[in-house]
């Protein structure tokens, strides 16, 4: 009978566990840290007429929350692709958050949220979302950034079946749409998140920063 350690190693290889946790910790530090640093700063409202034309649809909040499961699953799948692939990806992920932090601090953004109508579960979730998440740190959208990373990280994988790659692409797009129909973000936030993910991932494939990331998180690149 296989032990717990063996099963855990198969599910989440040990070489990337600390950096996987590091991605989460850095994300939280930058998101909440930027909110505290800019609490008293002037926040810009970049809402356009196009943004105003998009209605609030409470049911999209389900996608907005379900995506957290999608993120966790796909990041683990990406880590299992191999050491170099993972550390290149983790480097792109972390650099993208640092860039997000710069935008959040130098260009604080906000929006005017609409009144939530209804008493069903979707409406309750929307009220919970608005209470739990301040209307700040909008550009670029981390929701869109991370969801797109979940797709591009497996886009060229030879291990993951085509149907799941297609699903990941479609679901990432649905998450982007959910940020619009929940009125959590402007349209430009979506574009910014996707482009930033693509840029950081592209650069990570061309440079050797991943070796530093592996060293910091004690992840040996030796097979």
C-alpha atoms as a PDB file:
ATOM      1  CA  UNK A   1       0.000   0.000   0.000  1.00  0.00           C
ATOM      2  CA  UNK A   2       1.356   3.375  -1.018  1.00  0.00           C
ATOM      3  CA  UNK A   3       1.983   5.878   1.770  1.00  0.00           C
ATOM      4  CA  UNK A   4       0.584   9.382   2.068  1.00  0.00           C
ATOM      5  CA  UNK A   5       3.955  10.867   1.122  1.00  0.00           C
ATOM      6  CA  UNK A   6       4.054   8.881  -2.108  1.00  0.00           C
ATOM      7  CA  UNK A   7       0.515   9.905  -3.050  1.00  0.00           C
ATOM      8  CA  UNK A   8       1.224  13.559  -2.243  1.00  0.00           C
ATOM      9  CA  UNK A   9       4.387  13.449  -4.345  1.00  0.00           C
ATOM     10  CA  UNK A  10       2.392  12.137  -7.298  1.00  0.00           C
ATOM     11  CA  UNK A  11      -0.282  14.796  -6.892  1.00  0.00           C
ATOM     12  CA  UNK A  12       1.944  17.779  -6.069  1.00  0.00           C
ATOM     13  CA  UNK A  13       5.665  17.155  -6.711  1.00  0.00           C
ATOM     14  CA  UNK A  14       7.842  18.351  -3.840  1.00  0.00           C
ATOM     15  CA  UNK A  15      10.157  20.419  -6.061  1.00  0.00           C
ATOM     16  CA  UNK A  16       7.474  23.029  -6.618  1.00  0.00           C
ATOM     17  CA  UNK A  17       5.428  23.058  -3.435  1.00  0.00           C
ATOM     18  CA  UNK A  18       7.148  25.991  -1.733  1.00  0.00           C
ATOM     19  CA  UNK A  19       7.051  28.113  -4.893  1.00  0.00           C
ATOM     20  CA  UNK A  20       3.402  27.162  -5.443  1.00  0.00           C
ATOM     21  CA  UNK A  21       2.624  28.483  -1.979  1.00  0.00           C
ATOM     22  CA  UNK A  22       4.900  31.442  -2.717  1.00  0.00           C
ATOM     23  CA  UNK A  23       2.754  32.422  -5.696  1.00  0.00           C
ATOM     24  CA  UNK A  24      -0.322  32.510  -3.462  1.00  0.00           C
ATOM     25  CA  UNK A  25       1.397  34.422  -0.660  1.00  0.00           C
ATOM     26  CA  UNK A  26       2.858  37.032  -3.021  1.00  0.00           C
ATOM     27  CA  UNK A  27      -0.529  37.506  -4.669  1.00  0.00           C
ATOM     28  CA  UNK A  28      -2.212  38.160  -1.318  1.00  0.00           C
ATOM     29  CA  UNK A  29       0.576  40.433  -0.079  1.00  0.00           C
ATOM     30  CA  UNK A  30       0.446  42.619  -3.167  1.00  0.00           C
ATOM     31  CA  UNK A  31      -3.345  42.751  -3.417  1.00  0.00           C
ATOM     32  CA  UNK A  32      -4.054  43.554   0.218  1.00  0.00           C
ATOM     33  CA  UNK A  33      -0.855  45.530   0.686  1.00  0.00           C
ATOM     34  CA  UNK A  34      -1.700  47.841  -2.210  1.00  0.00           C
ATOM     35  CA  UNK A  35      -5.183  48.383  -0.787  1.00  0.00           C
ATOM     36  CA  UNK A  36      -3.717  49.495   2.526  1.00  0.00           C
ATOM     37  CA  UNK A  37      -1.072  51.720   0.940  1.00  0.00           C
ATOM     38  CA  UNK A  38      -3.620  53.500  -1.258  1.00  0.00           C
ATOM     39  CA  UNK A  39      -6.459  53.620   1.259  1.00  0.00           C
ATOM     40  CA  UNK A  40      -6.332  57.425   1.435  1.00  0.00           C
ATOM     41  CA  UNK A  41      -5.169  58.047  -2.136  1.00  0.00           C
ATOM     42  CA  UNK A  42      -7.295  59.444  -4.941  1.00  0.00           C
ATOM     43  CA  UNK A  43      -8.770  56.596  -6.981  1.00  0.00           C
ATOM     44  CA  UNK A  44      -9.469  57.022 -10.686  1.00  0.00           C
ATOM     45  CA  UNK A  45     -12.743  55.849 -12.199  1.00  0.00           C
ATOM     46  CA  UNK A  46     -12.000  54.627 -15.727  1.00  0.00           C
ATOM     47  CA  UNK A  47     -15.586  53.606 -16.501  1.00  0.00           C
ATOM     48  CA  UNK A  48     -16.527  54.111 -20.164  1.00  0.00           C
ATOM     49  CA  UNK A  49     -19.893  54.211 -21.892  1.00  0.00           C
ATOM     50  CA  UNK A  50     -19.241  50.639 -23.007  1.00  0.00           C
ATOM     51  CA  UNK A  51     -18.809  49.582 -19.374  1.00  0.00           C
ATOM     52  CA  UNK A  52     -22.052  51.334 -18.448  1.00  0.00           C
ATOM     53  CA  UNK A  53     -23.890  49.444 -21.199  1.00  0.00           C
ATOM     54  CA  UNK A  54     -23.044  46.070 -19.636  1.00  0.00           C
ATOM     55  CA  UNK A  55     -25.795  44.986 -17.232  1.00  0.00           C
ATOM     56  CA  UNK A  56     -25.350  43.477 -13.788  1.00  0.00           C
ATOM     57  CA  UNK A  57     -26.299  39.792 -13.975  1.00  0.00           C
ATOM     58  CA  UNK A  58     -26.161  38.233 -10.527  1.00  0.00           C
ATOM     59  CA  UNK A  59     -25.819  34.639 -11.746  1.00  0.00           C
ATOM     60  CA  UNK A  60     -22.357  35.333 -13.146  1.00  0.00           C
ATOM     61  CA  UNK A  61     -21.090  35.483  -9.565  1.00  0.00           C
ATOM     62  CA  UNK A  62     -21.032  31.672  -9.581  1.00  0.00           C
ATOM     63  CA  UNK A  63     -18.319  31.663 -12.252  1.00  0.00           C
ATOM     64  CA  UNK A  64     -16.522  34.442 -10.386  1.00  0.00           C
ATOM     65  CA  UNK A  65     -16.213  32.261  -7.281  1.00  0.00           C
ATOM     66  CA  UNK A  66     -15.861  28.822  -8.905  1.00  0.00           C
ATOM     67  CA  UNK A  67     -12.744  30.056 -10.667  1.00  0.00           C
ATOM     68  CA  UNK A  68     -10.775  29.712  -7.412  1.00  0.00           C
ATOM     69  CA  UNK A  69     -11.069  25.933  -7.761  1.00  0.00           C
ATOM     70  CA  UNK A  70     -10.026  26.237 -11.416  1.00  0.00           C
ATOM     71  CA  UNK A  71      -6.955  28.226 -10.418  1.00  0.00           C
ATOM     72  CA  UNK A  72      -5.810  25.731  -7.813  1.00  0.00           C
ATOM     73  CA  UNK A  73      -6.301  22.726 -10.070  1.00  0.00           C
ATOM     74  CA  UNK A  74      -4.556  24.226 -13.081  1.00  0.00           C
ATOM     75  CA  UNK A  75      -1.597  25.576 -11.134  1.00  0.00           C
ATOM     76  CA  UNK A  76      -1.032  22.073  -9.773  1.00  0.00           C
ATOM     77  CA  UNK A  77      -1.317  20.637 -13.290  1.00  0.00           C
ATOM     78  CA  UNK A  78       1.209  23.189 -14.528  1.00  0.00           C
ATOM     79  CA  UNK A  79       3.595  22.342 -11.704  1.00  0.00           C
ATOM     80  CA  UNK A  80       3.408  18.672 -12.701  1.00  0.00           C
ATOM     81  CA  UNK A  81       4.530  19.508 -16.243  1.00  0.00           C
ATOM     82  CA  UNK A  82       8.161  19.474 -15.135  1.00  0.00           C
ATOM     83  CA  UNK A  83      10.692  21.463 -13.160  1.00  0.00           C
ATOM     84  CA  UNK A  84      11.878  23.923 -15.777  1.00  0.00           C
ATOM     85  CA  UNK A  85       8.385  24.514 -17.114  1.00  0.00           C
ATOM     86  CA  UNK A  86       7.043  25.139 -13.634  1.00  0.00           C
ATOM     87  CA  UNK A  87       9.767  27.525 -12.525  1.00  0.00           C
ATOM     88  CA  UNK A  88       9.502  29.497 -15.760  1.00  0.00           C
ATOM     89  CA  UNK A  89       5.758  29.716 -15.163  1.00  0.00           C
ATOM     90  CA  UNK A  90       6.158  30.620 -11.486  1.00  0.00           C
ATOM     91  CA  UNK A  91       8.626  33.357 -12.460  1.00  0.00           C
ATOM     92  CA  UNK A  92       6.124  34.816 -14.917  1.00  0.00           C
ATOM     93  CA  UNK A  93       3.365  34.589 -12.321  1.00  0.00           C
ATOM     94  CA  UNK A  94       5.358  36.385  -9.631  1.00  0.00           C
ATOM     95  CA  UNK A  95       6.687  39.093 -11.935  1.00  0.00           C
ATOM     96  CA  UNK A  96       3.149  39.747 -13.153  1.00  0.00           C
ATOM     97  CA  UNK A  97       2.002  40.348  -9.565  1.00  0.00           C
ATOM     98  CA  UNK A  98       4.838  42.791  -8.974  1.00  0.00           C
ATOM     99  CA  UNK A  99       3.776  44.694 -12.084  1.00  0.00           C
ATOM    100  CA  UNK A 100       0.173  44.616 -10.855  1.00  0.00           C
ATOM    101  CA  UNK A 101       1.366  46.066  -7.560  1.00  0.00           C
ATOM    102  CA  UNK A 102       3.043  48.959  -9.357  1.00  0.00           C
ATOM    103  CA  UNK A 103      -0.186  49.753 -11.211  1.00  0.00           C
ATOM    104  CA  UNK A 104      -2.296  49.387  -8.062  1.00  0.00           C
ATOM    105  CA  UNK A 105      -0.103  51.873  -6.194  1.00  0.00           C
ATOM    106  CA  UNK A 106       0.676  54.379  -8.963  1.00  0.00           C
ATOM    107  CA  UNK A 107      -2.748  54.242 -10.626  1.00  0.00           C
ATOM    108  CA  UNK A 108      -5.335  53.448  -7.932  1.00  0.00           C
ATOM    109  CA  UNK A 109      -8.657  52.683  -9.576  1.00  0.00           C
ATOM    110  CA  UNK A 110     -12.243  52.278  -8.442  1.00  0.00           C
ATOM    111  CA  UNK A 111     -15.735  52.104  -9.860  1.00  0.00           C
ATOM    112  CA  UNK A 112     -19.295  52.825  -8.791  1.00  0.00           C
ATOM    113  CA  UNK A 113     -21.064  49.567  -8.100  1.00  0.00           C
ATOM    114  CA  UNK A 114     -24.747  49.206  -8.963  1.00  0.00           C
ATOM    115  CA  UNK A 115     -27.507  48.347  -6.514  1.00  0.00           C
ATOM    116  CA  UNK A 116     -28.077  44.611  -6.222  1.00  0.00           C
ATOM    117  CA  UNK A 117     -31.669  43.577  -6.806  1.00  0.00           C
ATOM    118  CA  UNK A 118     -33.151  40.280  -5.646  1.00  0.00           C
ATOM    119  CA  UNK A 119     -33.215  37.959  -2.651  1.00  0.00           C
ATOM    120  CA  UNK A 120     -32.045  34.696  -4.188  1.00  0.00           C
ATOM    121  CA  UNK A 121     -28.711  32.987  -3.516  1.00  0.00           C
ATOM    122  CA  UNK A 122     -26.979  34.710  -6.441  1.00  0.00           C
ATOM    123  CA  UNK A 123     -28.016  38.112  -5.102  1.00  0.00           C
ATOM    124  CA  UNK A 124     -26.788  37.127  -1.631  1.00  0.00           C
ATOM    125  CA  UNK A 125     -23.425  36.087  -3.091  1.00  0.00           C
ATOM    126  CA  UNK A 126     -23.178  39.387  -4.948  1.00  0.00           C
ATOM    127  CA  UNK A 127     -23.757  41.329  -1.735  1.00  0.00           C
ATOM    128  CA  UNK A 128     -21.170  39.186   0.018  1.00  0.00           C
ATOM    129  CA  UNK A 129     -18.688  39.834  -2.805  1.00  0.00           C
ATOM    130  CA  UNK A 130     -19.184  43.586  -2.682  1.00  0.00           C
ATOM    131  CA  UNK A 131     -18.779  43.626   1.101  1.00  0.00           C
ATOM    132  CA  UNK A 132     -15.702  41.384   1.127  1.00  0.00           C
ATOM    133  CA  UNK A 133     -13.860  42.936  -1.818  1.00  0.00           C
ATOM    134  CA  UNK A 134     -13.269  46.666  -1.976  1.00  0.00           C
ATOM    135  CA  UNK A 135     -13.792  48.464  -5.274  1.00  0.00           C
ATOM    136  CA  UNK A 136     -10.068  48.983  -5.812  1.00  0.00           C
ATOM    137  CA  UNK A 137      -7.053  47.316  -7.475  1.00  0.00           C
ATOM    138  CA  UNK A 138      -9.027  47.084 -10.690  1.00  0.00           C
ATOM    139  CA  UNK A 139      -6.371  47.539 -13.395  1.00  0.00           C
ATOM    140  CA  UNK A 140      -5.171  45.082 -14.456  1.00  0.00           C
ATOM    141  CA  UNK A 141      -7.666  42.429 -13.386  1.00  0.00           C
ATOM    142  CA  UNK A 142      -5.982  39.703 -11.340  1.00  0.00           C
ATOM    143  CA  UNK A 143      -9.030  37.500 -11.910  1.00  0.00           C
ATOM    144  CA  UNK A 144      -8.448  37.675 -15.665  1.00  0.00           C
ATOM    145  CA  UNK A 145      -4.667  37.502 -15.303  1.00  0.00           C
ATOM    146  CA  UNK A 146      -4.679  34.300 -13.246  1.00  0.00           C
ATOM    147  CA  UNK A 147      -7.411  32.645 -15.307  1.00  0.00           C
ATOM    148  CA  UNK A 148      -5.482  33.291 -18.504  1.00  0.00           C
ATOM    149  CA  UNK A 149      -2.298  31.983 -16.894  1.00  0.00           C
ATOM    150  CA  UNK A 150      -4.238  28.786 -16.140  1.00  0.00           C
ATOM    151  CA  UNK A 151      -4.777  28.358 -19.868  1.00  0.00           C
ATOM    152  CA  UNK A 152      -1.426  29.415 -21.296  1.00  0.00           C
ATOM    153  CA  UNK A 153       0.432  27.322 -18.726  1.00  0.00           C
ATOM    154  CA  UNK A 154      -1.010  24.135 -20.253  1.00  0.00           C
ATOM    155  CA  UNK A 155      -1.536  25.413 -23.790  1.00  0.00           C
ATOM    156  CA  UNK A 156       1.386  23.468 -25.295  1.00  0.00           C
ATOM    157  CA  UNK A 157       1.328  20.541 -22.873  1.00  0.00           C
ATOM    158  CA  UNK A 158       1.756  17.049 -24.286  1.00  0.00           C
ATOM    159  CA  UNK A 159       0.447  15.477 -21.090  1.00  0.00           C
ATOM    160  CA  UNK A 160      -2.909  17.221 -20.823  1.00  0.00           C
ATOM    161  CA  UNK A 161      -5.712  16.162 -23.202  1.00  0.00           C
ATOM    162  CA  UNK A 162      -6.980  18.561 -25.837  1.00  0.00           C
ATOM    163  CA  UNK A 163     -10.482  18.657 -24.368  1.00  0.00           C
ATOM    164  CA  UNK A 164      -9.159  20.033 -21.087  1.00  0.00           C
ATOM    165  CA  UNK A 165      -7.070  22.656 -22.856  1.00  0.00           C
ATOM    166  CA  UNK A 166     -10.203  23.785 -24.695  1.00  0.00           C
ATOM    167  CA  UNK A 167     -12.161  23.765 -21.450  1.00  0.00           C
ATOM    168  CA  UNK A 168      -9.472  25.864 -19.749  1.00  0.00           C
ATOM    169  CA  UNK A 169      -9.529  28.420 -22.547  1.00  0.00           C
ATOM    170  CA  UNK A 170     -13.328  28.628 -22.519  1.00  0.00           C
ATOM    171  CA  UNK A 171     -13.513  28.813 -18.744  1.00  0.00           C
ATOM    172  CA  UNK A 172     -10.844  31.529 -18.627  1.00  0.00           C
ATOM    173  CA  UNK A 173     -12.951  33.550 -21.063  1.00  0.00           C
ATOM    174  CA  UNK A 174     -16.037  32.942 -18.922  1.00  0.00           C
ATOM    175  CA  UNK A 175     -14.165  34.249 -15.885  1.00  0.00           C
ATOM    176  CA  UNK A 176     -13.273  37.384 -17.827  1.00  0.00           C
ATOM    177  CA  UNK A 177     -16.940  37.801 -18.736  1.00  0.00           C
ATOM    178  CA  UNK A 178     -17.929  37.281 -15.105  1.00  0.00           C
ATOM    179  CA  UNK A 179     -15.810  40.269 -14.082  1.00  0.00           C
ATOM    180  CA  UNK A 180     -17.930  42.350 -16.445  1.00  0.00           C
ATOM    181  CA  UNK A 181     -21.382  41.047 -15.540  1.00  0.00           C
ATOM    182  CA  UNK A 182     -20.657  41.287 -11.802  1.00  0.00           C
ATOM    183  CA  UNK A 183     -19.432  44.850 -12.426  1.00  0.00           C
ATOM    184  CA  UNK A 184     -16.174  44.088 -10.652  1.00  0.00           C
ATOM    185  CA  UNK A 185     -14.002  45.433 -13.462  1.00  0.00           C
ATOM    186  CA  UNK A 186     -13.892  47.688 -16.492  1.00  0.00           C
ATOM    187  CA  UNK A 187     -13.385  46.162 -19.925  1.00  0.00           C
ATOM    188  CA  UNK A 188      -9.854  47.598 -20.072  1.00  0.00           C
ATOM    189  CA  UNK A 189      -9.011  45.632 -16.916  1.00  0.00           C
ATOM    190  CA  UNK A 190      -9.746  42.408 -18.786  1.00  0.00           C
ATOM    191  CA  UNK A 191      -7.506  43.348 -21.696  1.00  0.00           C
ATOM    192  CA  UNK A 192      -4.770  44.455 -19.315  1.00  0.00           C
ATOM    193  CA  UNK A 193      -4.879  41.192 -17.380  1.00  0.00           C
ATOM    194  CA  UNK A 194      -4.710  38.988 -20.470  1.00  0.00           C
ATOM    195  CA  UNK A 195      -1.948  40.994 -22.143  1.00  0.00           C
ATOM    196  CA  UNK A 196       0.127  41.083 -18.960  1.00  0.00           C
ATOM    197  CA  UNK A 197      -0.151  37.303 -18.591  1.00  0.00           C
ATOM    198  CA  UNK A 198       0.913  36.752 -22.200  1.00  0.00           C
ATOM    199  CA  UNK A 199       3.806  39.220 -21.918  1.00  0.00           C
ATOM    200  CA  UNK A 200       5.211  37.815 -18.677  1.00  0.00           C
ATOM    201  CA  UNK A 201       4.858  34.235 -19.895  1.00  0.00           C
ATOM    202  CA  UNK A 202       6.540  35.059 -23.213  1.00  0.00           C
ATOM    203  CA  UNK A 203       9.487  36.752 -21.514  1.00  0.00           C
ATOM    204  CA  UNK A 204       9.837  33.899 -19.015  1.00  0.00           C
ATOM    205  CA  UNK A 205      10.385  31.495 -21.912  1.00  0.00           C
ATOM    206  CA  UNK A 206      13.208  33.641 -23.312  1.00  0.00           C
ATOM    207  CA  UNK A 207      15.262  34.450 -20.202  1.00  0.00           C
ATOM    208  CA  UNK A 208      16.770  32.405 -17.386  1.00  0.00           C
ATOM    209  CA  UNK A 209      15.159  34.124 -14.418  1.00  0.00           C
ATOM    210  CA  UNK A 210      13.538  30.780 -13.610  1.00  0.00           C
ATOM    211  CA  UNK A 211      16.893  29.557 -12.277  1.00  0.00           C
ATOM    212  CA  UNK A 212      16.846  32.293  -9.650  1.00  0.00           C
ATOM    213  CA  UNK A 213      13.265  31.421  -8.754  1.00  0.00           C
ATOM    214  CA  UNK A 214      14.231  27.778  -8.331  1.00  0.00           C
ATOM    215  CA  UNK A 215      17.187  28.767  -6.161  1.00  0.00           C
ATOM    216  CA  UNK A 216      15.098  31.035  -3.937  1.00  0.00           C
ATOM    217  CA  UNK A 217      12.543  28.307  -3.334  1.00  0.00           C
ATOM    218  CA  UNK A 218      15.175  25.570  -3.061  1.00  0.00           C
ATOM    219  CA  UNK A 219      13.790  23.754  -6.058  1.00  0.00           C
ATOM    220  CA  UNK A 220      16.608  21.774  -7.669  1.00  0.00           C
ATOM    221  CA  UNK A 221      16.472  21.720 -11.455  1.00  0.00           C
ATOM    222  CA  UNK A 222      18.403  18.460 -11.575  1.00  0.00           C
ATOM    223  CA  UNK A 223      16.378  15.463 -12.657  1.00  0.00           C
END
